[in-house]
PDB file of all heavy atoms in Angstrom:
ATOM      1  N   LEU A   1       1.274  -4.980 -17.683  1.00  0.00           N
ATOM      2  CA  LEU A   1       0.924  -5.863 -16.576  1.00  0.00           C
ATOM      3  C   LEU A   1       0.186  -5.036 -15.532  1.00  0.00           C
ATOM      4  O   LEU A   1       0.467  -3.830 -15.387  1.00  0.00           O
ATOM      5  CB  LEU A   1       2.164  -6.476 -15.923  1.00  0.00           C
ATOM      6  CG  LEU A   1       2.852  -7.660 -16.583  1.00  0.00           C
ATOM      7  CD1 LEU A   1       4.129  -8.014 -15.816  1.00  0.00           C
ATOM      8  CD2 LEU A   1       1.942  -8.867 -16.664  1.00  0.00           C
ATOM      9  N   ARG A   2      -0.707  -5.682 -14.821  1.00  0.00           N
ATOM     10  CA  ARG A   2      -1.388  -5.033 -13.707  1.00  0.00           C
ATOM     11  C   ARG A   2      -1.166  -5.849 -12.448  1.00  0.00           C
ATOM     12  O   ARG A   2      -1.564  -7.019 -12.378  1.00  0.00           O
ATOM     13  CB  ARG A   2      -2.885  -4.873 -13.976  1.00  0.00           C
ATOM     14  CG  ARG A   2      -3.616  -4.103 -12.877  1.00  0.00           C
ATOM     15  CD  ARG A   2      -5.076  -3.878 -13.243  1.00  0.00           C
ATOM     16  NE  ARG A   2      -5.795  -3.158 -12.202  1.00  0.00           N
ATOM     17  CZ  ARG A   2      -5.817  -1.839 -12.081  1.00  0.00           C
ATOM     18  NH1 ARG A   2      -5.153  -1.094 -12.950  1.00  0.00           N
ATOM     19  NH2 ARG A   2      -6.511  -1.254 -11.097  1.00  0.00           N
ATOM     20  N   LEU A   3      -0.513  -5.240 -11.480  1.00  0.00           N
ATOM     21  CA  LEU A   3      -0.261  -5.893 -10.196  1.00  0.00           C
ATOM     22  C   LEU A   3      -1.302  -5.442  -9.185  1.00  0.00           C
ATOM     23  O   LEU A   3      -1.738  -4.290  -9.197  1.00  0.00           O
ATOM     24  CB  LEU A   3       1.132  -5.539  -9.677  1.00  0.00           C
ATOM     25  CG  LEU A   3       2.298  -5.781 -10.614  1.00  0.00           C
ATOM     26  CD1 LEU A   3       3.606  -5.425  -9.908  1.00  0.00           C
ATOM     27  CD2 LEU A   3       2.332  -7.206 -11.097  1.00  0.00           C
ATOM     28  N   SER A   4      -1.662  -6.357  -8.312  1.00  0.00           N
ATOM     29  CA  SER A   4      -2.594  -6.041  -7.230  1.00  0.00           C
ATOM     30  C   SER A   4      -2.031  -6.528  -5.906  1.00  0.00           C
ATOM     31  O   SER A   4      -1.273  -7.497  -5.869  1.00  0.00           O
ATOM     32  CB  SER A   4      -3.955  -6.687  -7.483  1.00  0.00           C
ATOM     33  OG  SER A   4      -4.589  -6.125  -8.604  1.00  0.00           O
ATOM     34  N   CYS A   5      -2.415  -5.844  -4.855  1.00  0.00           N
ATOM     35  CA  CYS A   5      -1.992  -6.222  -3.508  1.00  0.00           C
ATOM     36  C   CYS A   5      -3.220  -6.152  -2.600  1.00  0.00           C
ATOM     37  O   CYS A   5      -3.857  -5.104  -2.502  1.00  0.00           O
ATOM     38  CB  CYS A   5      -0.905  -5.295  -3.002  1.00  0.00           C
ATOM     39  SG  CYS A   5      -0.467  -5.496  -1.266  1.00  0.00           S
ATOM     40  N   ALA A   6      -3.518  -7.265  -1.962  1.00  0.00           N
ATOM     41  CA  ALA A   6      -4.640  -7.326  -1.023  1.00  0.00           C
ATOM     42  C   ALA A   6      -4.091  -7.305   0.391  1.00  0.00           C
ATOM     43  O   ALA A   6      -3.239  -8.133   0.746  1.00  0.00           O
ATOM     44  CB  ALA A   6      -5.456  -8.583  -1.258  1.00  0.00           C
ATOM     45  N   ALA A   7      -4.561  -6.368   1.179  1.00  0.00           N
ATOM     46  CA  ALA A   7      -4.080  -6.212   2.558  1.00  0.00           C
ATOM     47  C   ALA A   7      -5.116  -6.678   3.555  1.00  0.00           C
ATOM     48  O   ALA A   7      -6.319  -6.481   3.348  1.00  0.00           O
ATOM     49  CB  ALA A   7      -3.740  -4.752   2.821  1.00  0.00           C
ATOM     50  N   SER A   8      -4.653  -7.273   4.627  1.00  0.00           N
ATOM     51  CA  SER A   8      -5.527  -7.664   5.728  1.00  0.00           C
ATOM     52  C   SER A   8      -4.775  -7.494   7.036  1.00  0.00           C
ATOM     53  O   SER A   8      -3.542  -7.519   7.065  1.00  0.00           O
ATOM     54  CB  SER A   8      -6.004  -9.103   5.555  1.00  0.00           C
ATOM     55  OG  SER A   8      -4.913  -9.994   5.524  1.00  0.00           O
ATOM     56  N   GLY A   9      -5.532  -7.298   8.098  1.00  0.00           N
ATOM     57  CA  GLY A   9      -4.913  -7.169   9.412  1.00  0.00           C
ATOM     58  C   GLY A   9      -4.435  -5.777   9.755  1.00  0.00           C
ATOM     59  O   GLY A   9      -3.800  -5.581  10.806  1.00  0.00           O
ATOM     60  N   ILE A  10      -4.686  -4.810   8.887  1.00  0.00           N
ATOM     61  CA  ILE A  10      -4.305  -3.422   9.169  1.00  0.00           C
ATOM     62  C   ILE A  10      -5.488  -2.505   8.880  1.00  0.00           C
ATOM     63  O   ILE A  10      -6.409  -2.887   8.155  1.00  0.00           O
ATOM     64  CB  ILE A  10      -3.094  -2.954   8.318  1.00  0.00           C
ATOM     65  CG1 ILE A  10      -3.409  -3.064   6.815  1.00  0.00           C
ATOM     66  CG2 ILE A  10      -1.853  -3.710   8.707  1.00  0.00           C
ATOM     67  CD1 ILE A  10      -2.340  -2.460   5.919  1.00  0.00           C
ATOM     68  N   ILE A  11      -5.436  -1.317   9.466  1.00  0.00           N
ATOM     69  CA  ILE A  11      -6.430  -0.304   9.119  1.00  0.00           C
ATOM     70  C   ILE A  11      -5.931   0.348   7.840  1.00  0.00           C
ATOM     71  O   ILE A  11      -5.222   1.354   7.850  1.00  0.00           O
ATOM     72  CB  ILE A  11      -6.594   0.724  10.252  1.00  0.00           C
ATOM     73  CG1 ILE A  11      -6.953   0.011  11.555  1.00  0.00           C
ATOM     74  CG2 ILE A  11      -7.688   1.742   9.894  1.00  0.00           C
ATOM     75  CD1 ILE A  11      -6.990   0.918  12.776  1.00  0.00           C
ATOM     76  N   PHE A  12      -6.296  -0.250   6.742  1.00  0.00           N
ATOM     77  CA  PHE A  12      -5.690   0.029   5.433  1.00  0.00           C
ATOM     78  C   PHE A  12      -5.694   1.515   5.102  1.00  0.00           C
ATOM     79  O   PHE A  12      -4.696   2.060   4.626  1.00  0.00           O
ATOM     80  CB  PHE A  12      -6.448  -0.766   4.373  1.00  0.00           C
ATOM     81  CG  PHE A  12      -5.938  -0.581   2.974  1.00  0.00           C
ATOM     82  CD1 PHE A  12      -4.849  -1.315   2.522  1.00  0.00           C
ATOM     83  CD2 PHE A  12      -6.551   0.320   2.104  1.00  0.00           C
ATOM     84  CE1 PHE A  12      -4.373  -1.155   1.238  1.00  0.00           C
ATOM     85  CE2 PHE A  12      -6.088   0.489   0.819  1.00  0.00           C
ATOM     86  CZ  PHE A  12      -4.990  -0.251   0.376  1.00  0.00           C
ATOM     87  N   ARG A  13      -6.814   2.172   5.380  1.00  0.00           N
ATOM     88  CA  ARG A  13      -6.979   3.533   4.870  1.00  0.00           C
ATOM     89  C   ARG A  13      -5.982   4.520   5.466  1.00  0.00           C
ATOM     90  O   ARG A  13      -5.759   5.584   4.887  1.00  0.00           O
ATOM     91  CB  ARG A  13      -8.405   4.015   5.147  1.00  0.00           C
ATOM     92  CG  ARG A  13      -8.793   3.989   6.616  1.00  0.00           C
ATOM     93  CD  ARG A  13     -10.226   4.467   6.822  1.00  0.00           C
ATOM     94  NE  ARG A  13     -10.682   4.238   8.193  1.00  0.00           N
ATOM     95  CZ  ARG A  13     -10.379   5.038   9.195  1.00  0.00           C
ATOM     96  NH1 ARG A  13      -9.619   6.102   8.980  1.00  0.00           N
ATOM     97  NH2 ARG A  13     -10.819   4.785  10.404  1.00  0.00           N
ATOM     98  N   ILE A  14      -5.327   4.188   6.575  1.00  0.00           N
ATOM     99  CA  ILE A  14      -4.417   5.147   7.194  1.00  0.00           C
ATOM    100  C   ILE A  14      -2.965   4.954   6.755  1.00  0.00           C
ATOM    101  O   ILE A  14      -2.102   5.760   7.093  1.00  0.00           O
ATOM    102  CB  ILE A  14      -4.490   5.099   8.730  1.00  0.00           C
ATOM    103  CG1 ILE A  14      -3.900   3.800   9.280  1.00  0.00           C
ATOM    104  CG2 ILE A  14      -5.920   5.316   9.202  1.00  0.00           C
ATOM    105  CD1 ILE A  14      -3.801   3.799  10.794  1.00  0.00           C
ATOM    106  N   TYR A  15      -2.718   3.905   5.986  1.00  0.00           N
ATOM    107  CA  TYR A  15      -1.346   3.609   5.584  1.00  0.00           C
ATOM    108  C   TYR A  15      -1.009   4.224   4.228  1.00  0.00           C
ATOM    109  O   TYR A  15      -1.846   4.262   3.322  1.00  0.00           O
ATOM    110  CB  TYR A  15      -1.119   2.098   5.503  1.00  0.00           C
ATOM    111  CG  TYR A  15      -0.914   1.453   6.844  1.00  0.00           C
ATOM    112  CD1 TYR A  15      -1.982   1.200   7.693  1.00  0.00           C
ATOM    113  CD2 TYR A  15       0.364   1.112   7.270  1.00  0.00           C
ATOM    114  CE1 TYR A  15      -1.794   0.626   8.931  1.00  0.00           C
ATOM    115  CE2 TYR A  15       0.567   0.536   8.504  1.00  0.00           C
ATOM    116  CZ  TYR A  15      -0.516   0.293   9.334  1.00  0.00           C
ATOM    117  OH  TYR A  15      -0.322  -0.279  10.562  1.00  0.00           O
ATOM    118  N   VAL A  16       0.231   4.658   4.093  1.00  0.00           N
ATOM    119  CA  VAL A  16       0.768   4.974   2.775  1.00  0.00           C
ATOM    120  C   VAL A  16       1.125   3.637   2.126  1.00  0.00           C
ATOM    121  O   VAL A  16       1.890   2.847   2.681  1.00  0.00           O
ATOM    122  CB  VAL A  16       2.024   5.858   2.860  1.00  0.00           C
ATOM    123  CG1 VAL A  16       2.623   6.075   1.474  1.00  0.00           C
ATOM    124  CG2 VAL A  16       1.696   7.188   3.521  1.00  0.00           C
ATOM    125  N   MET A  17       0.553   3.384   0.980  1.00  0.00           N
ATOM    126  CA  MET A  17       0.799   2.136   0.274  1.00  0.00           C
ATOM    127  C   MET A  17       1.794   2.380  -0.858  1.00  0.00           C
ATOM    128  O   MET A  17       1.799   3.457  -1.474  1.00  0.00           O
ATOM    129  CB  MET A  17      -0.494   1.564  -0.282  1.00  0.00           C
ATOM    130  CG  MET A  17      -1.535   1.242   0.779  1.00  0.00           C
ATOM    131  SD  MET A  17      -0.944   0.038   1.996  1.00  0.00           S
ATOM    132  CE  MET A  17      -0.639  -1.407   0.965  1.00  0.00           C
ATOM    133  N   GLY A  18       2.594   1.378  -1.120  1.00  0.00           N
ATOM    134  CA  GLY A  18       3.602   1.563  -2.152  1.00  0.00           C
ATOM    135  C   GLY A  18       3.978   0.265  -2.841  1.00  0.00           C
ATOM    136  O   GLY A  18       3.669  -0.828  -2.371  1.00  0.00           O
ATOM    137  N   TRP A  19       4.617   0.442  -3.964  1.00  0.00           N
ATOM    138  CA  TRP A  19       5.224  -0.664  -4.699  1.00  0.00           C
ATOM    139  C   TRP A  19       6.722  -0.384  -4.814  1.00  0.00           C
ATOM    140  O   TRP A  19       7.134   0.735  -5.144  1.00  0.00           O
ATOM    141  CB  TRP A  19       4.620  -0.790  -6.101  1.00  0.00           C
ATOM    142  CG  TRP A  19       3.232  -1.331  -6.104  1.00  0.00           C
ATOM    143  CD1 TRP A  19       2.065  -0.617  -6.127  1.00  0.00           C
ATOM    144  CD2 TRP A  19       2.848  -2.717  -6.072  1.00  0.00           C
ATOM    145  NE1 TRP A  19       0.988  -1.459  -6.103  1.00  0.00           N
ATOM    146  CE2 TRP A  19       1.436  -2.755  -6.084  1.00  0.00           C
ATOM    147  CE3 TRP A  19       3.547  -3.922  -6.043  1.00  0.00           C
ATOM    148  CZ2 TRP A  19       0.727  -3.947  -6.061  1.00  0.00           C
ATOM    149  CZ3 TRP A  19       2.833  -5.103  -6.021  1.00  0.00           C
ATOM    150  CH2 TRP A  19       1.437  -5.114  -6.034  1.00  0.00           C
ATOM    151  N   TYR A  20       7.475  -1.406  -4.524  1.00  0.00           N
ATOM    152  CA  TYR A  20       8.925  -1.370  -4.680  1.00  0.00           C
ATOM    153  C   TYR A  20       9.319  -2.540  -5.567  1.00  0.00           C
ATOM    154  O   TYR A  20       8.535  -3.470  -5.764  1.00  0.00           O
ATOM    155  CB  TYR A  20       9.612  -1.491  -3.317  1.00  0.00           C
ATOM    156  CG  TYR A  20       9.432  -0.285  -2.420  1.00  0.00           C
ATOM    157  CD1 TYR A  20       8.198   0.003  -1.843  1.00  0.00           C
ATOM    158  CD2 TYR A  20      10.496   0.575  -2.156  1.00  0.00           C
ATOM    159  CE1 TYR A  20       8.028   1.118  -1.037  1.00  0.00           C
ATOM    160  CE2 TYR A  20      10.336   1.686  -1.342  1.00  0.00           C
ATOM    161  CZ  TYR A  20       9.100   1.946  -0.785  1.00  0.00           C
ATOM    162  OH  TYR A  20       8.941   3.050   0.015  1.00  0.00           O
ATOM    163  N   ARG A  21      10.538  -2.496  -6.082  1.00  0.00           N
ATOM    164  CA  ARG A  21      10.999  -3.612  -6.901  1.00  0.00           C
ATOM    165  C   ARG A  21      12.471  -3.865  -6.668  1.00  0.00           C
ATOM    166  O   ARG A  21      13.224  -2.968  -6.288  1.00  0.00           O
ATOM    167  CB  ARG A  21      10.726  -3.353  -8.387  1.00  0.00           C
ATOM    168  CG  ARG A  21      11.528  -2.221  -8.987  1.00  0.00           C
ATOM    169  CD  ARG A  21      11.074  -1.967 -10.419  1.00  0.00           C
ATOM    170  NE  ARG A  21      11.835  -0.889 -11.051  1.00  0.00           N
ATOM    171  CZ  ARG A  21      11.566  -0.391 -12.256  1.00  0.00           C
ATOM    172  NH1 ARG A  21      10.535  -0.874 -12.958  1.00  0.00           N
ATOM    173  NH2 ARG A  21      12.305   0.577 -12.756  1.00  0.00           N
ATOM    174  N   GLN A  22      12.847  -5.095  -6.921  1.00  0.00           N
ATOM    175  CA  GLN A  22      14.258  -5.473  -6.809  1.00  0.00           C
ATOM    176  C   GLN A  22      14.631  -6.343  -7.990  1.00  0.00           C
ATOM    177  O   GLN A  22      14.080  -7.432  -8.181  1.00  0.00           O
ATOM    178  CB  GLN A  22      14.514  -6.211  -5.504  1.00  0.00           C
ATOM    179  CG  GLN A  22      15.979  -6.477  -5.233  1.00  0.00           C
ATOM    180  CD  GLN A  22      16.240  -6.901  -3.799  1.00  0.00           C
ATOM    181  OE1 GLN A  22      15.351  -7.310  -3.073  1.00  0.00           O
ATOM    182  NE2 GLN A  22      17.487  -6.809  -3.376  1.00  0.00           N
ATOM    183  N   ALA A  23      15.550  -5.825  -8.785  1.00  0.00           N
ATOM    184  CA  ALA A  23      16.068  -6.560  -9.929  1.00  0.00           C
ATOM    185  C   ALA A  23      17.272  -7.392  -9.482  1.00  0.00           C
ATOM    186  O   ALA A  23      17.917  -7.065  -8.480  1.00  0.00           O
ATOM    187  CB  ALA A  23      16.466  -5.593 -11.032  1.00  0.00           C
ATOM    188  N   PRO A  24      17.598  -8.444 -10.232  1.00  0.00           N
ATOM    189  CA  PRO A  24      18.742  -9.281  -9.856  1.00  0.00           C
ATOM    190  C   PRO A  24      20.019  -8.464  -9.710  1.00  0.00           C
ATOM    191  O   PRO A  24      20.365  -7.666 -10.593  1.00  0.00           O
ATOM    192  CB  PRO A  24      18.838 -10.263 -11.028  1.00  0.00           C
ATOM    193  CG  PRO A  24      17.463 -10.326 -11.580  1.00  0.00           C
ATOM    194  CD  PRO A  24      16.891  -8.949 -11.413  1.00  0.00           C
ATOM    195  N   GLY A  25      20.689  -8.622  -8.587  1.00  0.00           N
ATOM    196  CA  GLY A  25      21.948  -7.927  -8.372  1.00  0.00           C
ATOM    197  C   GLY A  25      21.830  -6.467  -7.988  1.00  0.00           C
ATOM    198  O   GLY A  25      22.839  -5.771  -7.876  1.00  0.00           O
ATOM    199  N   LYS A  26      20.605  -6.004  -7.782  1.00  0.00           N
ATOM    200  CA  LYS A  26      20.394  -4.596  -7.448  1.00  0.00           C
ATOM    201  C   LYS A  26      19.642  -4.464  -6.129  1.00  0.00           C
ATOM    202  O   LYS A  26      19.038  -5.405  -5.649  1.00  0.00           O
ATOM    203  CB  LYS A  26      19.619  -3.897  -8.567  1.00  0.00           C
ATOM    204  CG  LYS A  26      20.369  -3.823  -9.874  1.00  0.00           C
ATOM    205  CD  LYS A  26      19.633  -2.944 -10.871  1.00  0.00           C
ATOM    206  CE  LYS A  26      20.419  -2.792 -12.157  1.00  0.00           C
ATOM    207  NZ  LYS A  26      19.724  -1.922 -13.131  1.00  0.00           N
ATOM    208  N   GLN A  27      19.708  -3.262  -5.583  1.00  0.00           N
ATOM    209  CA  GLN A  27      18.973  -2.990  -4.344  1.00  0.00           C
ATOM    210  C   GLN A  27      17.497  -2.770  -4.630  1.00  0.00           C
ATOM    211  O   GLN A  27      17.115  -2.399  -5.745  1.00  0.00           O
ATOM    212  CB  GLN A  27      19.562  -1.751  -3.661  1.00  0.00           C
ATOM    213  CG  GLN A  27      20.950  -1.967  -3.072  1.00  0.00           C
ATOM    214  CD  GLN A  27      21.403  -0.790  -2.237  1.00  0.00           C
ATOM    215  OE1 GLN A  27      21.021   0.361  -2.497  1.00  0.00           O
ATOM    216  NE2 GLN A  27      22.215  -1.050  -1.234  1.00  0.00           N
ATOM    217  N   ARG A  28      16.708  -2.988  -3.602  1.00  0.00           N
ATOM    218  CA  ARG A  28      15.281  -2.709  -3.722  1.00  0.00           C
ATOM    219  C   ARG A  28      15.094  -1.202  -3.900  1.00  0.00           C
ATOM    220  O   ARG A  28      15.737  -0.388  -3.225  1.00  0.00           O
ATOM    221  CB  ARG A  28      14.536  -3.190  -2.475  1.00  0.00           C
ATOM    222  CG  ARG A  28      13.034  -3.178  -2.604  1.00  0.00           C
ATOM    223  CD  ARG A  28      12.363  -3.824  -1.404  1.00  0.00           C
ATOM    224  NE  ARG A  28      12.727  -5.231  -1.274  1.00  0.00           N
ATOM    225  CZ  ARG A  28      12.126  -6.061  -0.403  1.00  0.00           C
ATOM    226  NH1 ARG A  28      11.154  -5.622   0.389  1.00  0.00           N
ATOM    227  NH2 ARG A  28      12.523  -7.319  -0.326  1.00  0.00           N
ATOM    228  N   GLU A  29      14.199  -0.827  -4.813  1.00  0.00           N
ATOM    229  CA  GLU A  29      13.976   0.582  -5.092  1.00  0.00           C
ATOM    230  C   GLU A  29      12.495   0.903  -5.113  1.00  0.00           C
ATOM    231  O   GLU A  29      11.650   0.056  -5.411  1.00  0.00           O
ATOM    232  CB  GLU A  29      14.598   0.969  -6.449  1.00  0.00           C
ATOM    233  CG  GLU A  29      13.980   0.272  -7.640  1.00  0.00           C
ATOM    234  CD  GLU A  29      14.570   0.747  -8.965  1.00  0.00           C
ATOM    235  OE1 GLU A  29      15.484   1.573  -8.965  1.00  0.00           O
ATOM    236  OE2 GLU A  29      14.073   0.275 -10.010  1.00  0.00           O
ATOM    237  N   LEU A  30      12.226   2.170  -4.825  1.00  0.00           N
ATOM    238  CA  LEU A  30      10.854   2.656  -4.864  1.00  0.00           C
ATOM    239  C   LEU A  30      10.341   2.702  -6.296  1.00  0.00           C
ATOM    240  O   LEU A  30      11.058   3.142  -7.205  1.00  0.00           O
ATOM    241  CB  LEU A  30      10.793   4.069  -4.268  1.00  0.00           C
ATOM    242  CG  LEU A  30       9.493   4.832  -4.467  1.00  0.00           C
ATOM    243  CD1 LEU A  30       8.397   4.259  -3.595  1.00  0.00           C
ATOM    244  CD2 LEU A  30       9.699   6.317  -4.160  1.00  0.00           C
ATOM    245  N   VAL A  31       9.123   2.259  -6.499  1.00  0.00           N
ATOM    246  CA  VAL A  31       8.459   2.407  -7.792  1.00  0.00           C
ATOM    247  C   VAL A  31       7.417   3.517  -7.700  1.00  0.00           C
ATOM    248  O   VAL A  31       7.438   4.474  -8.473  1.00  0.00           O
ATOM    249  CB  VAL A  31       7.789   1.093  -8.232  1.00  0.00           C
ATOM    250  CG1 VAL A  31       7.021   1.298  -9.540  1.00  0.00           C
ATOM    251  CG2 VAL A  31       8.833  -0.009  -8.383  1.00  0.00           C
ATOM    252  N   ALA A  32       6.488   3.371  -6.746  1.00  0.00           N
ATOM    253  CA  ALA A  32       5.419   4.357  -6.599  1.00  0.00           C
ATOM    254  C   ALA A  32       4.793   4.238  -5.220  1.00  0.00           C
ATOM    255  O   ALA A  32       4.799   3.157  -4.623  1.00  0.00           O
ATOM    256  CB  ALA A  32       4.339   4.157  -7.668  1.00  0.00           C
ATOM    257  N   THR A  33       4.274   5.356  -4.726  1.00  0.00           N
ATOM    258  CA  THR A  33       3.526   5.351  -3.471  1.00  0.00           C
ATOM    259  C   THR A  33       2.233   6.126  -3.637  1.00  0.00           C
ATOM    260  O   THR A  33       2.114   6.983  -4.534  1.00  0.00           O
ATOM    261  CB  THR A  33       4.321   5.970  -2.310  1.00  0.00           C
ATOM    262  OG1 THR A  33       4.630   7.335  -2.635  1.00  0.00           O
ATOM    263  CG2 THR A  33       5.593   5.203  -2.028  1.00  0.00           C
ATOM    264  N   ILE A  34       1.293   5.835  -2.751  1.00  0.00           N
ATOM    265  CA  ILE A  34       0.013   6.542  -2.749  1.00  0.00           C
ATOM    266  C   ILE A  34      -0.430   6.719  -1.308  1.00  0.00           C
ATOM    267  O   ILE A  34      -0.440   5.765  -0.525  1.00  0.00           O
ATOM    268  CB  ILE A  34      -1.046   5.802  -3.595  1.00  0.00           C
ATOM    269  CG1 ILE A  34      -2.340   6.610  -3.680  1.00  0.00           C
ATOM    270  CG2 ILE A  34      -1.290   4.391  -3.096  1.00  0.00           C
ATOM    271  CD1 ILE A  34      -3.295   6.085  -4.768  1.00  0.00           C
ATOM    272  N   THR A  35      -0.781   7.942  -0.952  1.00  0.00           N
ATOM    273  CA  THR A  35      -1.177   8.236   0.421  1.00  0.00           C
ATOM    274  C   THR A  35      -2.644   7.890   0.645  1.00  0.00           C
ATOM    275  O   THR A  35      -3.374   7.536  -0.289  1.00  0.00           O
ATOM    276  CB  THR A  35      -0.968   9.719   0.729  1.00  0.00           C
ATOM    277  OG1 THR A  35      -1.913  10.492  -0.033  1.00  0.00           O
ATOM    278  CG2 THR A  35       0.445  10.165   0.403  1.00  0.00           C
ATOM    279  N   SER A  36      -3.065   8.044   1.884  1.00  0.00           N
ATOM    280  CA  SER A  36      -4.464   7.779   2.210  1.00  0.00           C
ATOM    281  C   SER A  36      -5.389   8.717   1.453  1.00  0.00           C
ATOM    282  O   SER A  36      -6.535   8.349   1.156  1.00  0.00           O
ATOM    283  CB  SER A  36      -4.684   7.927   3.716  1.00  0.00           C
ATOM    284  OG  SER A  36      -4.290   9.219   4.148  1.00  0.00           O
ATOM    285  N   GLY A  37      -4.882   9.890   1.122  1.00  0.00           N
ATOM    286  CA  GLY A  37      -5.671  10.843   0.352  1.00  0.00           C
ATOM    287  C   GLY A  37      -5.469  10.736  -1.146  1.00  0.00           C
ATOM    288  O   GLY A  37      -5.898  11.599  -1.906  1.00  0.00           O
TER     289      GLY A  37
END
């Protein structure tokens, strides 16, 4: 699967962007992050 996220209203390039996930009955967890660089 390929997930995409479109951002608006922020200066996108300065933010650390990430994906998190939450499975049923579990806490939200980090999947991956990517810095501005």
